[in-house]
């Protein structure tokens, strides 16, 4: 398996897990970011770009209002 194929699979997994993470935040299974300590804050920081894009798309479609 080539390096590009491995990198593509890693990026695809990152996007899929990020979208699932954002959906769980939207549905209320995960607390809102901020004020948290420990490893959960690190996970929020890792998936922050995906979460931003996810909420921009969802809000532009009118599916979520804060």
N, C-alpha and C. Protein backbone atom coordinates (compact mmCIF):
# COMPACT_ATOMS: atom_id res chain seq x y z
N UNK A 1 0.86 -1.17 0.00
CA UNK A 1 0.00 0.00 0.00
C UNK A 1 0.90 1.23 0.00
N UNK A 2 0.63 2.13 -0.91
CA UNK A 2 1.46 3.32 -1.04
C UNK A 2 1.21 4.34 0.05
N UNK A 3 2.14 5.25 0.15
CA UNK A 3 2.05 6.29 1.18
C UNK A 3 0.84 7.19 0.97
N UNK A 4 0.54 7.53 -0.27
CA UNK A 4 -0.62 8.39 -0.54
C UNK A 4 -1.92 7.70 -0.18
N UNK A 5 -2.00 6.41 -0.41
CA UNK A 5 -3.21 5.67 -0.07
C UNK A 5 -3.40 5.63 1.45
N UNK A 6 -2.33 5.42 2.19
CA UNK A 6 -2.40 5.42 3.65
C UNK A 6 -2.80 6.79 4.18
N UNK A 7 -2.22 7.84 3.60
CA UNK A 7 -2.57 9.20 4.02
C UNK A 7 -4.03 9.50 3.70
N UNK A 8 -4.51 9.05 2.57
CA UNK A 8 -5.91 9.26 2.20
C UNK A 8 -6.86 8.57 3.16
N UNK A 9 -6.51 7.35 3.57
CA UNK A 9 -7.35 6.62 4.52
C UNK A 9 -7.36 7.32 5.87
N UNK A 10 -6.21 7.83 6.30
CA UNK A 10 -6.14 8.54 7.59
C UNK A 10 -6.98 9.81 7.54
N UNK A 11 -6.90 10.56 6.44
CA UNK A 11 -7.69 11.78 6.31
C UNK A 11 -9.18 11.47 6.26
N UNK A 12 -9.55 10.42 5.54
CA UNK A 12 -10.95 10.01 5.48
C UNK A 12 -11.48 9.63 6.86
N UNK A 13 -10.71 8.88 7.62
CA UNK A 13 -11.11 8.53 8.99
C UNK A 13 -11.24 9.77 9.87
N UNK A 14 -10.32 10.72 9.71
CA UNK A 14 -10.37 11.97 10.47
C UNK A 14 -11.67 12.73 10.18
N UNK A 15 -12.03 12.79 8.92
CA UNK A 15 -13.25 13.52 8.54
C UNK A 15 -14.50 12.78 9.05
N UNK A 16 -14.54 11.47 8.92
CA UNK A 16 -15.70 10.70 9.37
C UNK A 16 -15.87 10.81 10.88
N UNK A 17 -14.79 10.64 11.61
CA UNK A 17 -14.87 10.75 13.08
C UNK A 17 -15.21 12.18 13.49
N UNK A 18 -14.68 13.18 12.77
CA UNK A 18 -14.99 14.57 13.07
C UNK A 18 -16.45 14.91 12.85
N UNK A 19 -17.03 14.38 11.79
CA UNK A 19 -18.46 14.62 11.53
C UNK A 19 -19.32 13.94 12.59
N UNK A 20 -18.94 12.73 12.97
CA UNK A 20 -19.68 12.04 14.03
C UNK A 20 -19.56 12.79 15.35
N UNK A 21 -18.38 13.30 15.64
CA UNK A 21 -18.15 14.09 16.86
C UNK A 21 -19.03 15.34 16.86
N UNK A 22 -19.09 16.02 15.72
CA UNK A 22 -19.89 17.24 15.60
C UNK A 22 -21.38 16.94 15.73
N UNK A 23 -21.82 15.84 15.14
CA UNK A 23 -23.23 15.47 15.24
C UNK A 23 -23.60 15.14 16.68
N UNK A 24 -22.70 14.49 17.41
CA UNK A 24 -22.97 14.19 18.82
C UNK A 24 -23.02 15.47 19.64
N UNK A 25 -22.21 16.47 19.28
CA UNK A 25 -22.29 17.77 19.97
C UNK A 25 -23.62 18.44 19.67
N UNK A 26 -24.06 18.37 18.42
CA UNK A 26 -25.31 19.01 18.03
C UNK A 26 -26.50 18.36 18.74
N UNK A 27 -26.48 17.06 18.87
CA UNK A 27 -27.59 16.33 19.50
C UNK A 27 -27.55 16.38 21.02
N UNK A 28 -26.47 16.89 21.59
CA UNK A 28 -26.41 17.06 23.03
C UNK A 28 -25.78 15.91 23.79
N UNK A 29 -25.17 14.95 23.08
CA UNK A 29 -24.52 13.84 23.76
C UNK A 29 -23.18 14.26 24.37
N UNK A 30 -22.58 15.30 23.81
CA UNK A 30 -21.31 15.82 24.32
C UNK A 30 -21.52 17.25 24.80
N UNK A 31 -20.83 17.65 25.85
CA UNK A 31 -20.98 19.03 26.32
C UNK A 31 -20.33 20.02 25.35
N UNK A 32 -20.76 21.25 25.43
CA UNK A 32 -20.16 22.30 24.61
C UNK A 32 -18.71 22.51 25.04
N UNK A 33 -17.84 22.89 24.11
CA UNK A 33 -16.44 23.10 24.47
C UNK A 33 -16.27 24.35 25.33
N UNK A 34 -15.24 24.35 26.12
CA UNK A 34 -14.93 25.48 26.98
C UNK A 34 -15.05 25.12 28.44
N UNK A 35 -13.99 25.36 29.18
CA UNK A 35 -14.02 25.10 30.60
C UNK A 35 -13.76 23.64 30.96
N UNK A 36 -13.53 22.81 29.99
CA UNK A 36 -13.27 21.40 30.26
C UNK A 36 -11.77 21.21 30.49
N UNK A 37 -11.45 20.17 31.22
CA UNK A 37 -10.05 19.87 31.47
C UNK A 37 -9.72 18.47 31.01
N UNK A 38 -8.46 18.23 30.76
CA UNK A 38 -8.02 16.89 30.45
C UNK A 38 -8.11 16.53 28.98
N UNK A 39 -8.22 15.23 28.72
CA UNK A 39 -8.16 14.75 27.35
C UNK A 39 -9.33 15.20 26.48
N UNK A 40 -10.47 15.48 27.06
CA UNK A 40 -11.62 15.91 26.25
C UNK A 40 -11.33 17.23 25.56
N UNK A 41 -10.60 18.13 26.22
CA UNK A 41 -10.23 19.40 25.60
C UNK A 41 -9.31 19.18 24.41
N UNK A 42 -8.43 18.19 24.50
CA UNK A 42 -7.52 17.90 23.40
C UNK A 42 -8.31 17.39 22.20
N UNK A 43 -9.30 16.55 22.44
CA UNK A 43 -10.12 16.02 21.34
C UNK A 43 -10.92 17.14 20.69
N UNK A 44 -11.43 18.08 21.50
CA UNK A 44 -12.13 19.23 20.94
C UNK A 44 -11.19 20.04 20.04
N UNK A 45 -9.95 20.22 20.45
CA UNK A 45 -8.99 20.98 19.65
C UNK A 45 -8.64 20.26 18.36
N UNK A 46 -8.54 18.94 18.41
CA UNK A 46 -8.19 18.17 17.21
C UNK A 46 -9.31 18.25 16.17
N UNK A 47 -10.56 18.15 16.60
CA UNK A 47 -11.67 18.14 15.66
C UNK A 47 -12.30 19.51 15.45
N UNK A 48 -11.66 20.56 15.92
CA UNK A 48 -12.20 21.92 15.78
C UNK A 48 -12.41 22.34 14.31
N UNK A 49 -11.47 22.07 13.40
CA UNK A 49 -11.73 22.47 12.00
C UNK A 49 -12.93 21.76 11.39
N UNK A 50 -13.08 20.47 11.64
CA UNK A 50 -14.21 19.72 11.10
C UNK A 50 -15.51 20.22 11.72
N UNK A 51 -15.49 20.50 13.03
CA UNK A 51 -16.68 20.99 13.72
C UNK A 51 -17.12 22.34 13.16
N UNK A 52 -16.15 23.20 12.87
CA UNK A 52 -16.48 24.52 12.32
C UNK A 52 -17.16 24.38 10.96
N UNK A 53 -16.61 23.58 10.09
CA UNK A 53 -17.19 23.38 8.76
C UNK A 53 -18.56 22.71 8.87
N UNK A 54 -18.68 21.72 9.76
CA UNK A 54 -19.95 21.02 9.95
C UNK A 54 -21.05 21.99 10.37
N UNK A 55 -20.76 22.82 11.37
CA UNK A 55 -21.79 23.74 11.85
C UNK A 55 -22.09 24.85 10.84
N UNK A 56 -21.10 25.26 10.06
CA UNK A 56 -21.38 26.24 9.01
C UNK A 56 -22.34 25.66 7.98
N UNK A 57 -22.14 24.42 7.59
CA UNK A 57 -23.02 23.78 6.62
C UNK A 57 -24.41 23.57 7.20
N UNK A 58 -24.48 23.06 8.43
CA UNK A 58 -25.77 22.76 9.05
C UNK A 58 -26.57 24.04 9.29
N UNK A 59 -25.90 25.11 9.73
CA UNK A 59 -26.61 26.36 9.97
C UNK A 59 -27.05 27.02 8.67
N UNK A 60 -26.24 26.90 7.62
CA UNK A 60 -26.64 27.50 6.35
C UNK A 60 -27.85 26.77 5.74
N UNK A 61 -28.01 25.50 6.07
CA UNK A 61 -29.17 24.76 5.60
C UNK A 61 -30.39 24.99 6.49
N UNK A 62 -30.19 25.64 7.63
CA UNK A 62 -31.29 25.94 8.53
C UNK A 62 -31.70 24.76 9.41
N UNK A 63 -30.81 23.80 9.58
CA UNK A 63 -31.14 22.62 10.38
C UNK A 63 -30.82 22.78 11.85
N UNK A 64 -30.10 23.85 12.22
CA UNK A 64 -29.69 24.06 13.60
C UNK A 64 -29.71 25.53 13.90
N UNK A 65 -30.35 25.89 14.98
CA UNK A 65 -30.31 27.28 15.44
C UNK A 65 -29.84 27.28 16.89
N UNK A 66 -28.80 28.03 17.19
CA UNK A 66 -28.24 28.03 18.55
C UNK A 66 -29.16 28.67 19.57
